[in-house]
């Protein structure tokens, strides 16, 4: 990815940067966010009571006595937060894992510089498309996640490759949704009830009822300088999303553990990699899994630019 200048004086600089970089704890950061998300999801409207009186420096959480609290409204607000944060956290963890993998697969003397050099959405998207394909990455997987340790079984390598390709898939498939969320929260978060029936007998072909995002998106049409706009509804399976996020965080931790040993010469007791069984459990989600990863769009208009 980056080209390294042949300057011997840079070795000391690389060592200093590596010591600083691998002193961080990216997996712990994401783990804390996941813990807070699970807490909010489990408490629902009770989260307000839980944080009441919490204080940091000059900031104190207090309820406004002049405001009449409606538990149903509070529950809806918290659920919207949980839905939004569940998506955002999985996307952020996916991007972190993919970027960390790419930086360390380059076998650079300073992966921090590799990460900083990968700027711009188009550059990342090109790598994401490759990772979603069938190009072999087994050698890179073994190097990054196991340090080429000889006694790692093939199932662990396969599962590690699978989680990387899943992460790349999330980045590709949920790109427009994530942009809508991060650019001013341009989404409607709620619960959607949808039924599709056959015209001739009224039989229900598909029934969906669950947390969802509604957002606007545009895609290039076949004609030059033409864009098709649509209103898209994307259903969210919260259990699956959180379980998958947990696996992504575990894999970030495995990558970081190996890299820390390689670039700072610390001794590690071992590495815990994701398993195919864990991935299957995450993908199974919960009993409401029939609507996971379901989205549909309704065409709005076509835009022509000069």
C-alpha atoms as a PDB file:
ATOM      1  CA  UNK A   1       0.000   0.000   0.000  1.00  0.00           C
ATOM      2  CA  UNK A   2       2.497   2.658   1.093  1.00  0.00           C
ATOM      3  CA  UNK A   3       6.116   2.774  -0.007  1.00  0.00           C
ATOM      4  CA  UNK A   4       8.644   2.999   2.805  1.00  0.00           C
ATOM      5  CA  UNK A   5      11.706   5.238   2.394  1.00  0.00           C
ATOM      6  CA  UNK A   6      15.049   3.493   2.820  1.00  0.00           C
ATOM      7  CA  UNK A   7      16.284   5.540   5.729  1.00  0.00           C
ATOM      8  CA  UNK A   8      17.884   3.666   8.586  1.00  0.00           C
ATOM      9  CA  UNK A   9      17.121   6.544  10.916  1.00  0.00           C
ATOM     10  CA  UNK A  10      13.444   5.723  10.450  1.00  0.00           C
ATOM     11  CA  UNK A  11      13.769   2.430  12.331  1.00  0.00           C
ATOM     12  CA  UNK A  12      13.806   4.237  15.665  1.00  0.00           C
ATOM     13  CA  UNK A  13      10.843   6.340  14.558  1.00  0.00           C
ATOM     14  CA  UNK A  14       8.919   3.246  13.520  1.00  0.00           C
ATOM     15  CA  UNK A  15       9.644   1.636  16.871  1.00  0.00           C
ATOM     16  CA  UNK A  16       8.409   4.694  18.717  1.00  0.00           C
ATOM     17  CA  UNK A  17       5.218   4.874  16.654  1.00  0.00           C
ATOM     18  CA  UNK A  18       4.548   1.156  17.052  1.00  0.00           C
ATOM     19  CA  UNK A  19       4.994   1.337  20.824  1.00  0.00           C
ATOM     20  CA  UNK A  20       2.480   4.177  20.968  1.00  0.00           C
ATOM     21  CA  UNK A  21       0.003   2.635  18.525  1.00  0.00           C
ATOM     22  CA  UNK A  22      -0.121  -0.799  20.143  1.00  0.00           C
ATOM     23  CA  UNK A  23      -0.525   0.757  23.560  1.00  0.00           C
ATOM     24  CA  UNK A  24      -4.123   1.492  22.550  1.00  0.00           C
ATOM     25  CA  UNK A  25      -7.036  -0.908  23.100  1.00  0.00           C
ATOM     26  CA  UNK A  26      -9.414  -0.742  20.105  1.00  0.00           C
ATOM     27  CA  UNK A  27     -11.305  -3.904  21.023  1.00  0.00           C
ATOM     28  CA  UNK A  28     -11.952  -2.559  24.529  1.00  0.00           C
ATOM     29  CA  UNK A  29     -13.373   0.640  23.035  1.00  0.00           C
ATOM     30  CA  UNK A  30     -15.849  -1.278  20.917  1.00  0.00           C
ATOM     31  CA  UNK A  31     -16.604  -3.663  23.791  1.00  0.00           C
ATOM     32  CA  UNK A  32     -17.543  -0.738  26.040  1.00  0.00           C
ATOM     33  CA  UNK A  33     -19.909   0.590  23.382  1.00  0.00           C
ATOM     34  CA  UNK A  34     -21.506  -2.843  23.009  1.00  0.00           C
ATOM     35  CA  UNK A  35     -21.925  -3.136  26.780  1.00  0.00           C
ATOM     36  CA  UNK A  36     -23.644   0.261  26.918  1.00  0.00           C
ATOM     37  CA  UNK A  37     -25.879  -0.766  24.029  1.00  0.00           C
ATOM     38  CA  UNK A  38     -26.927  -4.003  25.743  1.00  0.00           C
ATOM     39  CA  UNK A  39     -27.593  -2.054  28.938  1.00  0.00           C
ATOM     40  CA  UNK A  40     -29.889   0.382  27.132  1.00  0.00           C
ATOM     41  CA  UNK A  41     -31.651  -2.438  25.272  1.00  0.00           C
ATOM     42  CA  UNK A  42     -32.229  -4.378  28.487  1.00  0.00           C
ATOM     43  CA  UNK A  43     -33.485  -1.418  30.545  1.00  0.00           C
ATOM     44  CA  UNK A  44     -35.658   0.268  27.933  1.00  0.00           C
ATOM     45  CA  UNK A  45     -37.526   3.229  29.426  1.00  0.00           C
ATOM     46  CA  UNK A  46     -35.890   2.428  32.771  1.00  0.00           C
ATOM     47  CA  UNK A  47     -32.567   3.740  31.498  1.00  0.00           C
ATOM     48  CA  UNK A  48     -33.567   7.282  32.509  1.00  0.00           C
ATOM     49  CA  UNK A  49     -34.049   6.233  36.111  1.00  0.00           C
ATOM     50  CA  UNK A  50     -30.755   4.352  36.024  1.00  0.00           C
ATOM     51  CA  UNK A  51     -28.687   7.370  34.965  1.00  0.00           C
ATOM     52  CA  UNK A  52     -30.609   9.927  37.051  1.00  0.00           C
ATOM     53  CA  UNK A  53     -28.152  11.736  39.284  1.00  0.00           C
ATOM     54  CA  UNK A  54     -25.056  10.569  37.410  1.00  0.00           C
ATOM     55  CA  UNK A  55     -22.368  13.234  37.536  1.00  0.00           C
ATOM     56  CA  UNK A  56     -19.191  14.020  35.613  1.00  0.00           C
ATOM     57  CA  UNK A  57     -17.290  17.165  36.523  1.00  0.00           C
ATOM     58  CA  UNK A  58     -19.902  19.955  36.342  1.00  0.00           C
ATOM     59  CA  UNK A  59     -22.427  17.860  34.388  1.00  0.00           C
ATOM     60  CA  UNK A  60     -25.251  16.131  36.253  1.00  0.00           C
ATOM     61  CA  UNK A  61     -28.094  14.101  34.727  1.00  0.00           C
ATOM     62  CA  UNK A  62     -31.398  15.403  36.096  1.00  0.00           C
ATOM     63  CA  UNK A  63     -34.974  15.016  34.947  1.00  0.00           C
ATOM     64  CA  UNK A  64     -36.804  18.242  34.223  1.00  0.00           C
ATOM     65  CA  UNK A  65     -39.679  18.375  36.741  1.00  0.00           C
ATOM     66  CA  UNK A  66     -41.648  20.618  34.385  1.00  0.00           C
ATOM     67  CA  UNK A  67     -41.764  17.943  31.697  1.00  0.00           C
ATOM     68  CA  UNK A  68     -44.457  15.284  31.896  1.00  0.00           C
ATOM     69  CA  UNK A  69     -42.824  11.917  31.176  1.00  0.00           C
ATOM     70  CA  UNK A  70     -44.744   9.470  29.016  1.00  0.00           C
ATOM     71  CA  UNK A  71     -43.284   5.958  29.484  1.00  0.00           C
ATOM     72  CA  UNK A  72     -44.476   4.884  26.043  1.00  0.00           C
ATOM     73  CA  UNK A  73     -42.688   7.808  24.395  1.00  0.00           C
ATOM     74  CA  UNK A  74     -39.541   7.137  26.418  1.00  0.00           C
ATOM     75  CA  UNK A  75     -39.617   3.474  25.426  1.00  0.00           C
ATOM     76  CA  UNK A  76     -39.951   4.437  21.768  1.00  0.00           C
ATOM     77  CA  UNK A  77     -37.061   6.909  22.020  1.00  0.00           C
ATOM     78  CA  UNK A  78     -34.789   4.362  23.699  1.00  0.00           C
ATOM     79  CA  UNK A  79     -35.704   1.707  21.152  1.00  0.00           C
ATOM     80  CA  UNK A  80     -34.840   4.122  18.335  1.00  0.00           C
ATOM     81  CA  UNK A  81     -31.477   4.753  19.994  1.00  0.00           C
ATOM     82  CA  UNK A  82     -30.814   1.026  20.381  1.00  0.00           C
ATOM     83  CA  UNK A  83     -31.705   0.350  16.752  1.00  0.00           C
ATOM     84  CA  UNK A  84     -29.514   3.190  15.477  1.00  0.00           C
ATOM     85  CA  UNK A  85     -26.545   2.407  17.715  1.00  0.00           C
ATOM     86  CA  UNK A  86     -26.751  -1.331  16.925  1.00  0.00           C
ATOM     87  CA  UNK A  87     -26.372  -0.581  13.221  1.00  0.00           C
ATOM     88  CA  UNK A  88     -23.708   2.093  13.727  1.00  0.00           C
ATOM     89  CA  UNK A  89     -21.627  -0.029  16.075  1.00  0.00           C
ATOM     90  CA  UNK A  90     -21.615  -3.046  13.768  1.00  0.00           C
ATOM     91  CA  UNK A  91     -20.669  -0.854  10.827  1.00  0.00           C
ATOM     92  CA  UNK A  92     -17.905   0.900  12.777  1.00  0.00           C
ATOM     93  CA  UNK A  93     -16.519  -2.416  14.040  1.00  0.00           C
ATOM     94  CA  UNK A  94     -16.663  -3.863  10.521  1.00  0.00           C
ATOM     95  CA  UNK A  95     -14.764  -0.914   9.099  1.00  0.00           C
ATOM     96  CA  UNK A  96     -12.179  -1.043  11.880  1.00  0.00           C
ATOM     97  CA  UNK A  97     -11.600  -4.757  11.327  1.00  0.00           C
ATOM     98  CA  UNK A  98     -11.279  -4.372   7.549  1.00  0.00           C
ATOM     99  CA  UNK A  99      -8.927  -1.386   7.799  1.00  0.00           C
ATOM    100  CA  UNK A 100      -6.791  -3.099  10.443  1.00  0.00           C
ATOM    101  CA  UNK A 101      -6.641  -6.251   8.338  1.00  0.00           C
ATOM    102  CA  UNK A 102      -5.565  -4.351   5.235  1.00  0.00           C
ATOM    103  CA  UNK A 103      -2.912  -2.402   7.142  1.00  0.00           C
ATOM    104  CA  UNK A 104      -1.395  -5.518   8.692  1.00  0.00           C
ATOM    105  CA  UNK A 105      -1.689  -7.671   5.584  1.00  0.00           C
ATOM    106  CA  UNK A 106       0.658  -5.199   3.892  1.00  0.00           C
ATOM    107  CA  UNK A 107       3.468  -6.415   6.220  1.00  0.00           C
ATOM    108  CA  UNK A 108       4.650  -2.858   6.716  1.00  0.00           C
ATOM    109  CA  UNK A 109       7.124  -1.825   9.380  1.00  0.00           C
ATOM    110  CA  UNK A 110       4.524   0.687  10.578  1.00  0.00           C
ATOM    111  CA  UNK A 111       0.874  -0.409  10.135  1.00  0.00           C
ATOM    112  CA  UNK A 112      -0.267   2.865  11.708  1.00  0.00           C
ATOM    113  CA  UNK A 113       1.096   4.652   8.628  1.00  0.00           C
ATOM    114  CA  UNK A 114      -0.679   2.144   6.370  1.00  0.00           C
ATOM    115  CA  UNK A 115      -3.984   2.956   8.039  1.00  0.00           C
ATOM    116  CA  UNK A 116      -3.403   6.694   7.766  1.00  0.00           C
ATOM    117  CA  UNK A 117      -2.559   6.327   4.065  1.00  0.00           C
ATOM    118  CA  UNK A 118      -5.856   4.611   3.243  1.00  0.00           C
ATOM    119  CA  UNK A 119      -7.844   7.790   2.808  1.00  0.00           C
ATOM    120  CA  UNK A 120     -10.970   8.422   0.808  1.00  0.00           C
ATOM    121  CA  UNK A 121     -14.075   6.306   0.382  1.00  0.00           C
ATOM    122  CA  UNK A 122     -13.206   5.181  -3.147  1.00  0.00           C
ATOM    123  CA  UNK A 123      -9.917   3.609  -2.062  1.00  0.00           C
ATOM    124  CA  UNK A 124     -11.556   1.694   0.778  1.00  0.00           C
ATOM    125  CA  UNK A 125     -14.487   0.644  -1.403  1.00  0.00           C
ATOM    126  CA  UNK A 126     -12.101  -0.877  -3.943  1.00  0.00           C
ATOM    127  CA  UNK A 127     -10.569  -3.066  -1.243  1.00  0.00           C
ATOM    128  CA  UNK A 128     -14.025  -3.927   0.112  1.00  0.00           C
ATOM    129  CA  UNK A 129     -15.097  -5.156  -3.319  1.00  0.00           C
ATOM    130  CA  UNK A 130     -12.012  -7.387  -3.498  1.00  0.00           C
ATOM    131  CA  UNK A 131     -12.652  -8.836  -0.044  1.00  0.00           C
ATOM    132  CA  UNK A 132     -16.252  -9.618  -1.015  1.00  0.00           C
ATOM    133  CA  UNK A 133     -15.034 -11.577  -4.018  1.00  0.00           C
ATOM    134  CA  UNK A 134     -13.285 -14.907  -4.345  1.00  0.00           C
ATOM    135  CA  UNK A 135      -9.686 -13.698  -4.471  1.00  0.00           C
ATOM    136  CA  UNK A 136      -7.669 -15.973  -2.141  1.00  0.00           C
ATOM    137  CA  UNK A 137      -6.673 -14.304   1.132  1.00  0.00           C
ATOM    138  CA  UNK A 138      -5.739 -17.389   3.186  1.00  0.00           C
ATOM    139  CA  UNK A 139      -2.061 -16.466   3.405  1.00  0.00           C
ATOM    140  CA  UNK A 140      -2.867 -12.959   4.603  1.00  0.00           C
ATOM    141  CA  UNK A 141      -5.412 -14.330   7.090  1.00  0.00           C
ATOM    142  CA  UNK A 142      -2.862 -16.746   8.556  1.00  0.00           C
ATOM    143  CA  UNK A 143      -0.239 -14.024   8.802  1.00  0.00           C
ATOM    144  CA  UNK A 144      -2.444 -11.363  10.361  1.00  0.00           C
ATOM    145  CA  UNK A 145      -4.512 -13.446  12.770  1.00  0.00           C
ATOM    146  CA  UNK A 146      -2.097 -16.201  13.790  1.00  0.00           C
ATOM    147  CA  UNK A 147       1.359 -14.825  13.021  1.00  0.00           C
ATOM    148  CA  UNK A 148       1.765 -17.876  10.726  1.00  0.00           C
ATOM    149  CA  UNK A 149       1.775 -20.130  13.762  1.00  0.00           C
ATOM    150  CA  UNK A 150       2.132 -23.667  12.329  1.00  0.00           C
ATOM    151  CA  UNK A 151      -0.377 -25.548  14.503  1.00  0.00           C
ATOM    152  CA  UNK A 152      -3.518 -23.520  13.756  1.00  0.00           C
ATOM    153  CA  UNK A 153      -6.235 -25.737  12.279  1.00  0.00           C
ATOM    154  CA  UNK A 154      -7.773 -24.927   8.926  1.00  0.00           C
ATOM    155  CA  UNK A 155     -11.210 -24.329  10.459  1.00  0.00           C
ATOM    156  CA  UNK A 156      -9.872 -21.328  12.390  1.00  0.00           C
ATOM    157  CA  UNK A 157      -8.383 -19.862   9.208  1.00  0.00           C
ATOM    158  CA  UNK A 158     -11.631 -20.470   7.344  1.00  0.00           C
ATOM    159  CA  UNK A 159     -13.715 -18.792  10.053  1.00  0.00           C
ATOM    160  CA  UNK A 160     -11.336 -15.831  10.159  1.00  0.00           C
ATOM    161  CA  UNK A 161     -11.623 -15.430   6.405  1.00  0.00           C
ATOM    162  CA  UNK A 162     -15.385 -15.690   6.673  1.00  0.00           C
ATOM    163  CA  UNK A 163     -15.654 -12.916   9.267  1.00  0.00           C
ATOM    164  CA  UNK A 164     -13.503 -10.624   7.118  1.00  0.00           C
ATOM    165  CA  UNK A 165     -15.707 -11.230   4.084  1.00  0.00           C
ATOM    166  CA  UNK A 166     -18.839 -10.694   6.198  1.00  0.00           C
ATOM    167  CA  UNK A 167     -17.435  -7.405   7.487  1.00  0.00           C
ATOM    168  CA  UNK A 168     -16.717  -6.312   3.916  1.00  0.00           C
ATOM    169  CA  UNK A 169     -20.272  -7.311   2.997  1.00  0.00           C
ATOM    170  CA  UNK A 170     -21.723  -5.102   5.725  1.00  0.00           C
ATOM    171  CA  UNK A 171     -19.642  -2.159   4.492  1.00  0.00           C
ATOM    172  CA  UNK A 172     -20.883  -2.684   0.953  1.00  0.00           C
ATOM    173  CA  UNK A 173     -24.546  -3.514   1.572  1.00  0.00           C
ATOM    174  CA  UNK A 174     -25.210  -0.916   4.281  1.00  0.00           C
ATOM    175  CA  UNK A 175     -23.165   1.950   2.823  1.00  0.00           C
ATOM    176  CA  UNK A 176     -26.129   4.137   1.877  1.00  0.00           C
ATOM    177  CA  UNK A 177     -27.906   3.470   5.165  1.00  0.00           C
ATOM    178  CA  UNK A 178     -24.794   4.314   7.155  1.00  0.00           C
ATOM    179  CA  UNK A 179     -24.261   7.525   5.212  1.00  0.00           C
ATOM    180  CA  UNK A 180     -27.855   8.504   5.945  1.00  0.00           C
ATOM    181  CA  UNK A 181     -27.328   7.838   9.652  1.00  0.00           C
ATOM    182  CA  UNK A 182     -24.005   9.631  10.052  1.00  0.00           C
ATOM    183  CA  UNK A 183     -24.842  12.642   7.880  1.00  0.00           C
ATOM    184  CA  UNK A 184     -27.299  14.396  10.159  1.00  0.00           C
ATOM    185  CA  UNK A 185     -29.402  11.349  11.090  1.00  0.00           C
ATOM    186  CA  UNK A 186     -31.277  11.505   7.809  1.00  0.00           C
ATOM    187  CA  UNK A 187     -33.358   8.457   8.681  1.00  0.00           C
ATOM    188  CA  UNK A 188     -36.700   7.609  10.255  1.00  0.00           C
ATOM    189  CA  UNK A 189     -36.211   4.960  12.928  1.00  0.00           C
ATOM    190  CA  UNK A 190     -39.190   3.003  14.144  1.00  0.00           C
ATOM    191  CA  UNK A 191     -41.103  -0.187  13.652  1.00  0.00           C
ATOM    192  CA  UNK A 192     -42.548  -1.281  10.332  1.00  0.00           C
ATOM    193  CA  UNK A 193     -45.397  -3.739   9.792  1.00  0.00           C
ATOM    194  CA  UNK A 194     -45.524  -5.075   6.256  1.00  0.00           C
ATOM    195  CA  UNK A 195     -47.552  -7.797   4.611  1.00  0.00           C
ATOM    196  CA  UNK A 196     -47.312  -8.988   1.033  1.00  0.00           C
ATOM    197  CA  UNK A 197     -50.317 -10.941  -0.273  1.00  0.00           C
ATOM    198  CA  UNK A 198     -51.266 -12.603  -3.528  1.00  0.00           C
ATOM    199  CA  UNK A 199     -53.882 -10.757  -5.543  1.00  0.00           C
ATOM    200  CA  UNK A 200     -55.909 -13.788  -6.629  1.00  0.00           C
ATOM    201  CA  UNK A 201     -56.503 -15.396  -3.218  1.00  0.00           C
ATOM    202  CA  UNK A 202     -55.218 -12.938  -0.608  1.00  0.00           C
ATOM    203  CA  UNK A 203     -52.764 -15.461   0.862  1.00  0.00           C
ATOM    204  CA  UNK A 204     -49.941 -13.853   2.834  1.00  0.00           C
ATOM    205  CA  UNK A 205     -46.603 -14.439   1.128  1.00  0.00           C
ATOM    206  CA  UNK A 206     -44.445 -12.391   3.491  1.00  0.00           C
ATOM    207  CA  UNK A 207     -45.152 -10.818   6.879  1.00  0.00           C
ATOM    208  CA  UNK A 208     -42.668  -8.465   8.487  1.00  0.00           C
ATOM    209  CA  UNK A 209     -42.943  -6.614  11.768  1.00  0.00           C
ATOM    210  CA  UNK A 210     -39.860  -5.247  13.481  1.00  0.00           C
ATOM    211  CA  UNK A 211     -37.372  -2.409  14.017  1.00  0.00           C
ATOM    212  CA  UNK A 212     -36.503  -0.600  10.833  1.00  0.00           C
ATOM    213  CA  UNK A 213     -34.861   2.360   9.151  1.00  0.00           C
ATOM    214  CA  UNK A 214     -36.521   4.389   6.416  1.00  0.00           C
ATOM    215  CA  UNK A 215     -34.168   6.553   4.354  1.00  0.00           C
ATOM    216  CA  UNK A 216     -33.792   8.120   0.930  1.00  0.00           C
ATOM    217  CA  UNK A 217     -31.117   7.030  -1.507  1.00  0.00           C
ATOM    218  CA  UNK A 218     -30.133   7.640  -5.100  1.00  0.00           C
ATOM    219  CA  UNK A 219     -28.438   5.282  -7.521  1.00  0.00           C
ATOM    220  CA  UNK A 220     -26.956   5.821 -10.947  1.00  0.00           C
ATOM    221  CA  UNK A 221     -29.390   4.947 -13.693  1.00  0.00           C
ATOM    222  CA  UNK A 222     -28.498   3.364 -17.037  1.00  0.00           C
ATOM    223  CA  UNK A 223     -28.705   6.704 -18.832  1.00  0.00           C
ATOM    224  CA  UNK A 224     -25.701   9.040 -18.368  1.00  0.00           C
ATOM    225  CA  UNK A 225     -26.060  11.810 -15.769  1.00  0.00           C
ATOM    226  CA  UNK A 226     -29.259  10.277 -14.471  1.00  0.00           C
ATOM    227  CA  UNK A 227     -30.057   9.193 -10.906  1.00  0.00           C
ATOM    228  CA  UNK A 228     -33.001   7.179  -9.622  1.00  0.00           C
ATOM    229  CA  UNK A 229     -34.291   8.184  -6.187  1.00  0.00           C
ATOM    230  CA  UNK A 230     -36.084   5.786  -3.880  1.00  0.00           C
ATOM    231  CA  UNK A 231     -37.465   5.484  -0.369  1.00  0.00           C
ATOM    232  CA  UNK A 232     -35.898   2.417   1.242  1.00  0.00           C
ATOM    233  CA  UNK A 233     -37.020   0.497   4.308  1.00  0.00           C
ATOM    234  CA  UNK A 234     -34.389  -1.716   5.924  1.00  0.00           C
ATOM    235  CA  UNK A 235     -35.352  -4.099   8.734  1.00  0.00           C
ATOM    236  CA  UNK A 236     -32.957  -4.659  11.625  1.00  0.00           C
ATOM    237  CA  UNK A 237     -32.599  -7.891  13.606  1.00  0.00           C
ATOM    238  CA  UNK A 238     -31.179  -6.564  16.858  1.00  0.00           C
ATOM    239  CA  UNK A 239     -30.075  -9.881  18.335  1.00  0.00           C
ATOM    240  CA  UNK A 240     -28.207 -10.916  15.207  1.00  0.00           C
ATOM    241  CA  UNK A 241     -26.643  -7.467  14.893  1.00  0.00           C
ATOM    242  CA  UNK A 242     -25.319  -7.485  18.467  1.00  0.00           C
ATOM    243  CA  UNK A 243     -24.079 -11.090  18.270  1.00  0.00           C
ATOM    244  CA  UNK A 244     -22.227 -10.350  15.037  1.00  0.00           C
ATOM    245  CA  UNK A 245     -20.751  -7.179  16.533  1.00  0.00           C
ATOM    246  CA  UNK A 246     -19.432  -9.260  19.417  1.00  0.00           C
ATOM    247  CA  UNK A 247     -17.632 -11.558  16.950  1.00  0.00           C
ATOM    248  CA  UNK A 248     -16.176  -8.610  15.056  1.00  0.00           C
ATOM    249  CA  UNK A 249     -14.801  -7.220  18.311  1.00  0.00           C
ATOM    250  CA  UNK A 250     -13.307 -10.605  19.237  1.00  0.00           C
ATOM    251  CA  UNK A 251     -11.548 -10.732  15.877  1.00  0.00           C
ATOM    252  CA  UNK A 252     -10.211  -7.198  16.282  1.00  0.00           C
ATOM    253  CA  UNK A 253      -8.801  -8.306  19.624  1.00  0.00           C
ATOM    254  CA  UNK A 254      -7.140 -11.347  18.022  1.00  0.00           C
ATOM    255  CA  UNK A 255      -5.554  -9.244  15.287  1.00  0.00           C
ATOM    256  CA  UNK A 256      -4.350  -6.679  17.811  1.00  0.00           C
ATOM    257  CA  UNK A 257      -2.872  -9.324  20.112  1.00  0.00           C
ATOM    258  CA  UNK A 258      -0.800 -10.855  17.313  1.00  0.00           C
ATOM    259  CA  UNK A 259       0.269  -7.445  15.988  1.00  0.00           C
ATOM    260  CA  UNK A 260       1.256  -6.199  19.427  1.00  0.00           C
ATOM    261  CA  UNK A 261       3.503  -9.223  19.900  1.00  0.00           C
ATOM    262  CA  UNK A 262       5.022  -8.777  16.451  1.00  0.00           C
ATOM    263  CA  UNK A 263       5.694  -5.042  16.601  1.00  0.00           C
ATOM    264  CA  UNK A 264       6.493  -4.525  20.300  1.00  0.00           C
ATOM    265  CA  UNK A 265       7.989  -7.927  21.184  1.00  0.00           C
ATOM    266  CA  UNK A 266       5.631  -8.614  24.069  1.00  0.00           C
ATOM    267  CA  UNK A 267       4.785 -12.190  25.004  1.00  0.00           C
ATOM    268  CA  UNK A 268       1.195 -13.316  24.519  1.00  0.00           C
ATOM    269  CA  UNK A 269      -0.499 -16.324  26.151  1.00  0.00           C
ATOM    270  CA  UNK A 270      -2.568 -17.141  23.069  1.00  0.00           C
ATOM    271  CA  UNK A 271      -5.149 -15.862  20.614  1.00  0.00           C
ATOM    272  CA  UNK A 272      -8.880 -16.532  20.568  1.00  0.00           C
ATOM    273  CA  UNK A 273     -10.241 -16.563  17.023  1.00  0.00           C
ATOM    274  CA  UNK A 274     -13.846 -16.652  15.906  1.00  0.00           C
ATOM    275  CA  UNK A 275     -15.318 -20.025  14.972  1.00  0.00           C
ATOM    276  CA  UNK A 276     -17.753 -21.121  12.299  1.00  0.00           C
ATOM    277  CA  UNK A 277     -20.110 -22.252  15.065  1.00  0.00           C
ATOM    278  CA  UNK A 278     -20.057 -18.752  16.545  1.00  0.00           C
ATOM    279  CA  UNK A 279     -20.756 -17.197  13.163  1.00  0.00           C
ATOM    280  CA  UNK A 280     -23.667 -19.561  12.555  1.00  0.00           C
ATOM    281  CA  UNK A 281     -25.123 -18.673  15.950  1.00  0.00           C
ATOM    282  CA  UNK A 282     -24.868 -14.968  15.179  1.00  0.00           C
ATOM    283  CA  UNK A 283     -26.454 -15.357  11.766  1.00  0.00           C
ATOM    284  CA  UNK A 284     -29.292 -17.384  13.273  1.00  0.00           C
ATOM    285  CA  UNK A 285     -30.179 -14.367  15.409  1.00  0.00           C
ATOM    286  CA  UNK A 286     -33.396 -14.863  17.347  1.00  0.00           C
ATOM    287  CA  UNK A 287     -36.836 -16.400  16.685  1.00  0.00           C
ATOM    288  CA  UNK A 288     -37.650 -13.228  14.747  1.00  0.00           C
ATOM    289  CA  UNK A 289     -34.911 -13.938  12.241  1.00  0.00           C
ATOM    290  CA  UNK A 290     -37.278 -14.233   9.294  1.00  0.00           C
ATOM    291  CA  UNK A 291     -36.936 -10.502   8.598  1.00  0.00           C
ATOM    292  CA  UNK A 292     -33.216 -10.055   9.140  1.00  0.00           C
ATOM    293  CA  UNK A 293     -31.332  -8.346   6.301  1.00  0.00           C
ATOM    294  CA  UNK A 294     -34.622  -7.585   4.530  1.00  0.00           C
ATOM    295  CA  UNK A 295     -34.976  -4.293   2.722  1.00  0.00           C
ATOM    296  CA  UNK A 296     -37.273  -2.968   0.041  1.00  0.00           C
ATOM    297  CA  UNK A 297     -37.406   0.245  -1.969  1.00  0.00           C
ATOM    298  CA  UNK A 298     -40.173   2.334  -3.480  1.00  0.00           C
ATOM    299  CA  UNK A 299     -39.244   4.444  -6.493  1.00  0.00           C
ATOM    300  CA  UNK A 300     -39.718   8.199  -6.107  1.00  0.00           C
ATOM    301  CA  UNK A 301     -38.327  10.148  -9.056  1.00  0.00           C
ATOM    302  CA  UNK A 302     -35.518  10.355 -11.606  1.00  0.00           C
ATOM    303  CA  UNK A 303     -33.047  13.202 -11.481  1.00  0.00           C
ATOM    304  CA  UNK A 304     -31.286  14.482 -14.595  1.00  0.00           C
ATOM    305  CA  UNK A 305     -28.138  16.564 -14.289  1.00  0.00           C
ATOM    306  CA  UNK A 306     -26.706  18.727 -17.045  1.00  0.00           C
END
